[in-house]
């Protein structure tokens, strides 16, 4: 892999930022850690807190490592990029785990926790992933029309 894009969205997820060892671009959100550009001698590192859009970063990435936020997951999967989701296991009522687990069961992404990130990176097989196909809102609208008797 040549390029890895890491995003935590707009949240604070310092455990993920601390665990990442091979980034080329790291979005650190509101976390307290902002890596220096020379902190990884063998890598080129670009770190930023916020951007209006990370679409270009995702497009240029060979792998996206992300928190389990729905927006980050769907944007990455919609760009047809391999996605490794790191679930923040310190959150209470962890709905992000539910999303990651379901998308993993559907073979769209791989997921882990910060403590298993390094091992997951070493052993992951991106070939098992299936494309995330866009939905068909027209089909749903037609279904609702029929169900409600509206034509």
N, C-alpha and C. Protein backbone atom coordinates (compact mmCIF):
# COMPACT_ATOMS: atom_id res chain seq x y z
N UNK A 1 0.83 -1.19 0.00
CA UNK A 1 0.00 0.00 0.00
C UNK A 1 0.87 1.24 0.00
N UNK A 2 0.40 2.22 -0.70
CA UNK A 2 1.16 3.44 -0.81
C UNK A 2 0.60 4.56 0.04
N UNK A 3 -0.72 4.65 0.12
CA UNK A 3 -1.36 5.74 0.83
C UNK A 3 -2.43 5.22 1.77
N UNK A 4 -2.34 5.67 3.00
CA UNK A 4 -3.36 5.35 4.00
C UNK A 4 -3.91 6.67 4.51
N UNK A 5 -5.21 6.80 4.49
CA UNK A 5 -5.86 7.98 5.04
C UNK A 5 -6.55 7.56 6.32
N UNK A 6 -6.30 8.28 7.39
CA UNK A 6 -6.88 7.98 8.69
C UNK A 6 -7.76 9.14 9.10
N UNK A 7 -9.00 8.84 9.49
CA UNK A 7 -9.92 9.90 9.91
C UNK A 7 -10.64 9.51 11.19
N UNK A 8 -10.84 10.48 12.05
CA UNK A 8 -11.66 10.30 13.25
C UNK A 8 -12.91 11.16 13.16
N UNK A 9 -13.17 11.71 11.97
CA UNK A 9 -14.31 12.60 11.83
C UNK A 9 -14.09 13.84 12.67
N UNK A 10 -15.15 14.32 13.28
CA UNK A 10 -15.03 15.53 14.12
C UNK A 10 -14.96 15.17 15.59
N UNK A 11 -14.75 13.89 15.89
CA UNK A 11 -14.73 13.45 17.28
C UNK A 11 -13.33 13.47 17.84
N UNK A 12 -13.21 13.15 19.10
CA UNK A 12 -11.93 12.93 19.76
C UNK A 12 -11.72 11.43 19.88
N UNK A 13 -10.67 10.93 19.26
CA UNK A 13 -10.38 9.49 19.31
C UNK A 13 -8.86 9.33 19.36
N UNK A 14 -8.26 9.82 20.46
CA UNK A 14 -6.82 9.81 20.62
C UNK A 14 -6.24 8.39 20.58
N UNK A 15 -6.97 7.40 21.07
CA UNK A 15 -6.46 6.02 21.04
C UNK A 15 -6.13 5.59 19.61
N UNK A 16 -6.97 5.95 18.66
CA UNK A 16 -6.72 5.60 17.27
C UNK A 16 -5.50 6.34 16.75
N UNK A 17 -5.42 7.64 17.01
CA UNK A 17 -4.29 8.43 16.51
C UNK A 17 -2.98 7.89 17.10
N UNK A 18 -2.98 7.53 18.37
CA UNK A 18 -1.77 6.97 19.00
C UNK A 18 -1.36 5.65 18.36
N UNK A 19 -2.33 4.84 17.95
CA UNK A 19 -2.05 3.50 17.41
C UNK A 19 -1.60 3.49 15.96
N UNK A 20 -1.95 4.51 15.24
CA UNK A 20 -1.61 4.53 13.82
C UNK A 20 -0.10 4.69 13.66
N UNK A 21 0.49 3.78 12.92
CA UNK A 21 1.94 3.82 12.74
C UNK A 21 2.36 4.03 11.30
N UNK A 22 1.43 4.01 10.36
CA UNK A 22 1.83 4.18 8.96
C UNK A 22 0.88 5.09 8.18
N UNK A 23 0.61 6.30 8.69
CA UNK A 23 -0.30 7.18 7.96
C UNK A 23 0.43 8.06 6.96
N UNK A 24 -0.28 8.49 5.95
CA UNK A 24 0.18 9.59 5.11
C UNK A 24 -0.69 10.81 5.33
N UNK A 25 -1.89 10.59 5.81
CA UNK A 25 -2.77 11.71 6.13
C UNK A 25 -3.58 11.32 7.35
N UNK A 26 -3.57 12.15 8.36
CA UNK A 26 -4.30 11.86 9.59
C UNK A 26 -5.18 13.05 9.94
N UNK A 27 -6.48 12.84 9.97
CA UNK A 27 -7.39 13.87 10.45
C UNK A 27 -7.61 13.58 11.93
N UNK A 28 -7.23 14.48 12.81
CA UNK A 28 -7.26 14.21 14.24
C UNK A 28 -8.47 14.78 14.95
N UNK A 29 -9.33 15.48 14.26
CA UNK A 29 -10.56 15.98 14.89
C UNK A 29 -10.27 16.85 16.11
N UNK A 30 -11.07 16.67 17.17
CA UNK A 30 -10.95 17.49 18.37
C UNK A 30 -10.02 16.88 19.41
N UNK A 31 -9.32 15.81 19.06
CA UNK A 31 -8.41 15.15 20.00
C UNK A 31 -7.28 16.05 20.44
N UNK A 32 -6.59 15.64 21.47
CA UNK A 32 -5.51 16.45 22.02
C UNK A 32 -4.17 16.18 21.34
N UNK A 33 -4.09 15.17 20.48
CA UNK A 33 -2.84 14.81 19.82
C UNK A 33 -2.84 15.35 18.40
N UNK A 34 -1.81 16.13 18.05
CA UNK A 34 -1.59 16.59 16.69
C UNK A 34 -0.15 16.24 16.34
N UNK A 35 0.06 15.12 15.63
CA UNK A 35 1.43 14.68 15.34
C UNK A 35 2.20 15.71 14.53
N UNK A 36 3.51 15.82 14.81
CA UNK A 36 4.38 16.68 14.01
C UNK A 36 4.64 15.99 12.69
N UNK A 37 4.88 16.79 11.65
CA UNK A 37 5.11 16.21 10.33
C UNK A 37 6.39 15.38 10.29
N UNK A 38 7.32 15.59 11.23
CA UNK A 38 8.55 14.79 11.25
C UNK A 38 8.53 13.70 12.32
N UNK A 39 7.35 13.37 12.87
CA UNK A 39 7.27 12.38 13.93
C UNK A 39 7.45 10.95 13.43
N UNK A 40 7.29 10.72 12.15
CA UNK A 40 7.47 9.40 11.55
C UNK A 40 8.51 9.54 10.46
N UNK A 41 9.78 9.24 10.77
CA UNK A 41 10.88 9.49 9.85
C UNK A 41 10.72 8.78 8.50
N UNK A 42 10.21 7.55 8.51
CA UNK A 42 10.12 6.78 7.27
C UNK A 42 8.84 7.05 6.48
N UNK A 43 8.01 7.97 6.95
CA UNK A 43 6.74 8.24 6.31
C UNK A 43 6.57 9.72 6.02
N UNK A 44 5.70 9.99 5.06
CA UNK A 44 5.26 11.36 4.84
C UNK A 44 3.95 11.50 5.60
N UNK A 45 3.87 12.45 6.48
CA UNK A 45 2.70 12.60 7.34
C UNK A 45 2.10 13.98 7.17
N UNK A 46 0.81 14.02 6.91
CA UNK A 46 0.07 15.27 6.87
C UNK A 46 -1.03 15.15 7.91
N UNK A 47 -1.06 16.03 8.89
CA UNK A 47 -2.09 15.97 9.93
C UNK A 47 -2.87 17.28 9.93
N UNK A 48 -4.16 17.17 10.12
CA UNK A 48 -5.00 18.35 10.17
C UNK A 48 -6.18 18.07 11.08
N UNK A 49 -6.74 19.14 11.63
CA UNK A 49 -7.89 18.99 12.52
C UNK A 49 -9.19 18.89 11.73
N UNK A 50 -9.40 19.77 10.78
CA UNK A 50 -10.65 19.79 10.02
C UNK A 50 -10.39 20.21 8.59
N UNK A 51 -11.23 19.72 7.70
CA UNK A 51 -11.27 20.16 6.31
C UNK A 51 -12.74 20.25 5.94
N UNK A 52 -13.04 21.11 4.98
CA UNK A 52 -14.42 21.20 4.51
C UNK A 52 -14.87 19.88 3.91
N UNK A 53 -13.94 19.19 3.25
CA UNK A 53 -14.26 17.91 2.62
C UNK A 53 -13.03 17.02 2.66
N UNK A 54 -13.25 15.74 2.96
CA UNK A 54 -12.15 14.77 2.92
C UNK A 54 -12.31 13.84 1.71
N UNK A 55 -13.20 14.19 0.79
CA UNK A 55 -13.46 13.35 -0.38
C UNK A 55 -12.19 13.11 -1.19
N UNK A 56 -11.39 14.13 -1.38
CA UNK A 56 -10.16 13.97 -2.17
C UNK A 56 -9.15 13.08 -1.45
N UNK A 57 -9.06 13.20 -0.12
CA UNK A 57 -8.18 12.33 0.65
C UNK A 57 -8.60 10.87 0.51
N UNK A 58 -9.90 10.64 0.58
CA UNK A 58 -10.43 9.28 0.44
C UNK A 58 -10.15 8.77 -0.97
N UNK A 59 -10.39 9.60 -1.97
CA UNK A 59 -10.19 9.20 -3.36
C UNK A 59 -8.74 8.79 -3.62
N UNK A 60 -7.80 9.47 -3.01
CA UNK A 60 -6.38 9.20 -3.25
C UNK A 60 -5.83 8.06 -2.39
N UNK A 61 -6.60 7.57 -1.46
CA UNK A 61 -6.12 6.55 -0.52
C UNK A 61 -6.21 5.14 -1.11
N UNK A 62 -5.25 4.31 -0.74
CA UNK A 62 -5.30 2.89 -1.06
C UNK A 62 -6.03 2.13 0.04
N UNK A 63 -6.08 2.72 1.23
CA UNK A 63 -6.80 2.16 2.38
C UNK A 63 -7.25 3.33 3.24
N UNK A 64 -8.47 3.24 3.76
CA UNK A 64 -8.96 4.24 4.71
C UNK A 64 -9.13 3.54 6.04
N UNK A 65 -8.55 4.14 7.07
CA UNK A 65 -8.74 3.70 8.45
C UNK A 65 -9.58 4.78 9.10
N UNK A 66 -10.72 4.38 9.67
CA UNK A 66 -11.68 5.37 10.15
C UNK A 66 -12.30 4.96 11.48
N UNK A 67 -12.78 5.95 12.19
CA UNK A 67 -13.67 5.67 13.30
C UNK A 67 -14.94 5.09 12.70
N UNK A 68 -15.88 4.66 13.52
CA UNK A 68 -17.06 3.97 13.01
C UNK A 68 -18.26 4.90 12.82
N UNK A 69 -18.01 6.16 12.56
CA UNK A 69 -19.10 7.08 12.31
C UNK A 69 -19.78 6.76 10.99
N UNK A 70 -21.09 6.86 10.95
CA UNK A 70 -21.85 6.52 9.75
C UNK A 70 -21.42 7.35 8.55
N UNK A 71 -21.22 8.64 8.74
CA UNK A 71 -20.83 9.50 7.63
C UNK A 71 -19.50 9.10 7.02
N UNK A 72 -18.51 8.86 7.86
CA UNK A 72 -17.18 8.46 7.36
C UNK A 72 -17.25 7.11 6.68
N UNK A 73 -17.97 6.16 7.26
CA UNK A 73 -18.10 4.83 6.67
C UNK A 73 -18.78 4.89 5.31
N UNK A 74 -19.92 5.57 5.24
CA UNK A 74 -20.68 5.62 3.99
C UNK A 74 -19.94 6.40 2.90
N UNK A 75 -19.25 7.47 3.27
CA UNK A 75 -18.50 8.23 2.27
C UNK A 75 -17.36 7.38 1.70
N UNK A 76 -16.68 6.64 2.55
CA UNK A 76 -15.57 5.80 2.09
C UNK A 76 -16.08 4.64 1.24
N UNK A 77 -17.12 3.96 1.71
CA UNK A 77 -17.67 2.84 0.95
C UNK A 77 -18.25 3.31 -0.37
N UNK A 78 -18.87 4.49 -0.38
CA UNK A 78 -19.42 5.06 -1.61
C UNK A 78 -18.34 5.40 -2.62
N UNK A 79 -17.12 5.65 -2.13
CA UNK A 79 -15.99 5.94 -3.02
C UNK A 79 -15.30 4.65 -3.45
N UNK A 80 -15.84 3.51 -3.04
CA UNK A 80 -15.31 2.19 -3.41
C UNK A 80 -13.87 2.01 -2.95
N UNK A 81 -13.60 2.42 -1.71
CA UNK A 81 -12.26 2.27 -1.14
C UNK A 81 -12.29 1.24 -0.03
N UNK A 82 -11.21 0.46 0.11
CA UNK A 82 -11.15 -0.50 1.23
C UNK A 82 -11.17 0.26 2.55
N UNK A 83 -11.93 -0.27 3.51
CA UNK A 83 -12.15 0.43 4.77
C UNK A 83 -11.88 -0.48 5.95
N UNK A 84 -11.02 0.00 6.84
CA UNK A 84 -10.80 -0.64 8.13
C UNK A 84 -11.33 0.31 9.19
N UNK A 85 -12.37 -0.11 9.88
CA UNK A 85 -12.99 0.72 10.91
C UNK A 85 -12.41 0.33 12.26
N UNK A 86 -12.04 1.34 13.02
CA UNK A 86 -11.54 1.14 14.38
C UNK A 86 -12.63 1.65 15.32
N UNK A 87 -13.22 0.73 16.06
CA UNK A 87 -14.33 1.05 16.95
C UNK A 87 -13.77 1.60 18.25
N UNK A 88 -14.32 2.71 18.70
CA UNK A 88 -13.91 3.29 19.99
C UNK A 88 -14.59 2.50 21.09
N UNK A 89 -13.85 1.57 21.68
CA UNK A 89 -14.42 0.69 22.70
C UNK A 89 -14.58 1.35 24.06
N UNK A 90 -14.25 2.64 24.15
CA UNK A 90 -14.46 3.37 25.40
C UNK A 90 -15.80 4.09 25.44
N UNK A 91 -16.54 4.06 24.34
CA UNK A 91 -17.83 4.74 24.29
C UNK A 91 -18.90 3.92 25.01
N UNK A 92 -19.77 4.61 25.71
CA UNK A 92 -20.95 3.96 26.29
C UNK A 92 -21.99 3.82 25.20
N UNK A 93 -22.87 2.83 25.31
CA UNK A 93 -23.95 2.64 24.32
C UNK A 93 -23.39 2.75 22.90
N UNK A 94 -22.49 1.81 22.59
CA UNK A 94 -21.69 1.91 21.38
C UNK A 94 -22.44 1.51 20.11
N UNK A 95 -23.23 2.45 19.57
CA UNK A 95 -23.94 2.21 18.32
C UNK A 95 -22.99 2.08 17.15
N UNK A 96 -21.78 2.65 17.27
CA UNK A 96 -20.81 2.52 16.19
C UNK A 96 -20.38 1.07 16.00
N UNK A 97 -20.30 0.33 17.09
CA UNK A 97 -19.96 -1.09 16.99
C UNK A 97 -21.03 -1.84 16.20
N UNK A 98 -22.29 -1.49 16.43
CA UNK A 98 -23.39 -2.14 15.70
C UNK A 98 -23.27 -1.89 14.20
N UNK A 99 -22.95 -0.66 13.81
CA UNK A 99 -22.79 -0.33 12.39
C UNK A 99 -21.61 -1.09 11.80
N UNK A 100 -20.48 -1.05 12.48
CA UNK A 100 -19.29 -1.74 11.99
C UNK A 100 -19.53 -3.24 11.87
N UNK A 101 -20.16 -3.81 12.85
CA UNK A 101 -20.42 -5.25 12.84
C UNK A 101 -21.32 -5.63 11.66
N UNK A 102 -22.38 -4.85 11.42
CA UNK A 102 -23.29 -5.17 10.32
C UNK A 102 -22.61 -5.02 8.96
N UNK A 103 -21.87 -3.94 8.77
CA UNK A 103 -21.19 -3.74 7.49
C UNK A 103 -20.09 -4.78 7.29
N UNK A 104 -19.51 -5.27 8.38
CA UNK A 104 -18.53 -6.36 8.29
C UNK A 104 -19.22 -7.67 7.92
N UNK A 105 -20.35 -7.95 8.55
CA UNK A 105 -21.10 -9.17 8.22
C UNK A 105 -21.53 -9.18 6.75
N UNK A 106 -21.78 -8.00 6.21
CA UNK A 106 -22.15 -7.87 4.80
C UNK A 106 -20.91 -7.82 3.89
N UNK A 107 -19.73 -8.00 4.47
CA UNK A 107 -18.43 -8.06 3.76
C UNK A 107 -18.02 -6.74 3.11
N UNK A 108 -18.46 -5.61 3.67
CA UNK A 108 -18.10 -4.31 3.09
C UNK A 108 -16.88 -3.68 3.74
N UNK A 109 -16.54 -4.09 4.97
CA UNK A 109 -15.40 -3.51 5.66
C UNK A 109 -14.84 -4.50 6.66
N UNK A 110 -13.65 -4.17 7.16
CA UNK A 110 -13.05 -4.90 8.28
C UNK A 110 -13.11 -3.97 9.48
N UNK A 111 -13.15 -4.54 10.68
CA UNK A 111 -13.14 -3.67 11.86
C UNK A 111 -12.34 -4.29 12.98
N UNK A 112 -11.91 -3.42 13.90
CA UNK A 112 -11.11 -3.83 15.05
C UNK A 112 -11.27 -2.76 16.13
N UNK A 113 -10.50 -2.88 17.18
CA UNK A 113 -10.42 -1.85 18.23
C UNK A 113 -9.01 -1.28 18.21
N UNK A 114 -8.76 -0.19 18.92
CA UNK A 114 -7.40 0.35 18.93
C UNK A 114 -6.35 -0.69 19.38
N UNK A 115 -6.71 -1.50 20.35
CA UNK A 115 -5.73 -2.48 20.87
C UNK A 115 -5.43 -3.61 19.88
N UNK A 116 -6.32 -3.83 18.91
CA UNK A 116 -6.08 -4.90 17.92
C UNK A 116 -5.72 -4.35 16.54
N UNK A 117 -5.54 -3.04 16.43
CA UNK A 117 -5.28 -2.41 15.14
C UNK A 117 -4.01 -2.95 14.49
N UNK A 118 -2.91 -2.98 15.21
CA UNK A 118 -1.65 -3.42 14.61
C UNK A 118 -1.74 -4.84 14.09
N UNK A 119 -2.31 -5.74 14.88
CA UNK A 119 -2.45 -7.13 14.45
C UNK A 119 -3.39 -7.24 13.25
N UNK A 120 -4.46 -6.45 13.26
CA UNK A 120 -5.40 -6.47 12.14
C UNK A 120 -4.72 -6.01 10.86
N UNK A 121 -3.91 -4.97 10.94
CA UNK A 121 -3.19 -4.48 9.77
C UNK A 121 -2.24 -5.54 9.22
N UNK A 122 -1.63 -6.30 10.11
CA UNK A 122 -0.69 -7.34 9.69
C UNK A 122 -1.39 -8.51 9.01
N UNK A 123 -2.60 -8.83 9.44
CA UNK A 123 -3.25 -10.06 8.99
C UNK A 123 -4.45 -9.85 8.07
N UNK A 124 -4.85 -8.62 7.83
CA UNK A 124 -6.07 -8.38 7.06
C UNK A 124 -5.93 -8.82 5.61
N UNK A 125 -7.05 -9.22 5.04
CA UNK A 125 -7.13 -9.60 3.64
C UNK A 125 -8.23 -8.77 2.99
N UNK A 126 -7.84 -7.73 2.29
CA UNK A 126 -8.81 -6.83 1.68
C UNK A 126 -9.55 -7.48 0.52
N UNK A 127 -9.05 -8.60 0.02
CA UNK A 127 -9.70 -9.29 -1.09
C UNK A 127 -11.05 -9.87 -0.70
N UNK A 128 -11.32 -10.01 0.59
CA UNK A 128 -12.61 -10.58 1.03
C UNK A 128 -13.73 -9.55 1.00
N UNK A 129 -13.40 -8.28 0.77
CA UNK A 129 -14.40 -7.23 0.81
C UNK A 129 -15.22 -7.17 -0.48
N UNK A 130 -16.49 -6.88 -0.32
CA UNK A 130 -17.42 -6.74 -1.45
C UNK A 130 -17.79 -5.27 -1.60
N UNK A 131 -18.03 -4.83 -2.83
CA UNK A 131 -18.43 -3.43 -3.04
C UNK A 131 -19.74 -3.12 -2.32
N UNK A 132 -19.84 -1.89 -1.86
CA UNK A 132 -21.05 -1.38 -1.22
C UNK A 132 -21.87 -0.72 -2.31
N UNK A 133 -22.94 -1.37 -2.71
CA UNK A 133 -23.75 -0.86 -3.81
C UNK A 133 -24.70 0.23 -3.32
N UNK A 134 -24.87 1.28 -4.11
CA UNK A 134 -25.78 2.35 -3.69
C UNK A 134 -27.22 1.85 -3.64
N UNK A 135 -27.98 2.47 -2.78
CA UNK A 135 -29.39 2.12 -2.66
C UNK A 135 -30.19 2.63 -3.84
N UNK A 136 -31.45 2.26 -3.86
CA UNK A 136 -32.36 2.70 -4.92
C UNK A 136 -33.55 3.38 -4.28
N UNK A 137 -33.44 4.68 -3.98
CA UNK A 137 -34.52 5.38 -3.30
C UNK A 137 -35.84 5.34 -4.08
N UNK A 138 -35.77 5.25 -5.38
CA UNK A 138 -36.99 5.20 -6.20
C UNK A 138 -37.79 3.93 -5.89
N UNK A 139 -37.10 2.82 -5.68
CA UNK A 139 -37.78 1.57 -5.33
C UNK A 139 -38.53 1.72 -4.00
N UNK A 140 -37.86 2.36 -3.05
CA UNK A 140 -38.48 2.55 -1.73
C UNK A 140 -39.68 3.49 -1.85
N UNK A 141 -39.52 4.55 -2.62
CA UNK A 141 -40.64 5.49 -2.81
C UNK A 141 -41.83 4.79 -3.47
N UNK A 142 -41.55 3.96 -4.46
CA UNK A 142 -42.63 3.21 -5.12
C UNK A 142 -43.31 2.27 -4.14
N UNK A 143 -42.52 1.61 -3.30
CA UNK A 143 -43.08 0.72 -2.29
C UNK A 143 -44.00 1.49 -1.36
N UNK A 144 -43.55 2.64 -0.88
CA UNK A 144 -44.38 3.45 0.02
C UNK A 144 -45.66 3.89 -0.68
N UNK A 145 -45.55 4.31 -1.93
CA UNK A 145 -46.74 4.71 -2.68
C UNK A 145 -47.76 3.57 -2.74
N UNK A 146 -47.30 2.37 -3.05
CA UNK A 146 -48.20 1.22 -3.12
C UNK A 146 -48.78 0.88 -1.75
N UNK A 147 -47.93 0.92 -0.72
CA UNK A 147 -48.38 0.58 0.63
C UNK A 147 -49.40 1.57 1.14
N UNK A 148 -49.27 2.83 0.77
CA UNK A 148 -50.17 3.87 1.24
C UNK A 148 -51.33 4.13 0.27
N UNK A 149 -51.31 3.41 -0.85
CA UNK A 149 -52.38 3.59 -1.82
C UNK A 149 -52.31 4.88 -2.59
N UNK A 150 -51.13 5.45 -2.69
CA UNK A 150 -50.92 6.70 -3.42
C UNK A 150 -50.32 6.37 -4.78
N UNK A 151 -50.89 6.91 -5.83
CA UNK A 151 -50.34 6.63 -7.17
C UNK A 151 -50.00 7.88 -7.89
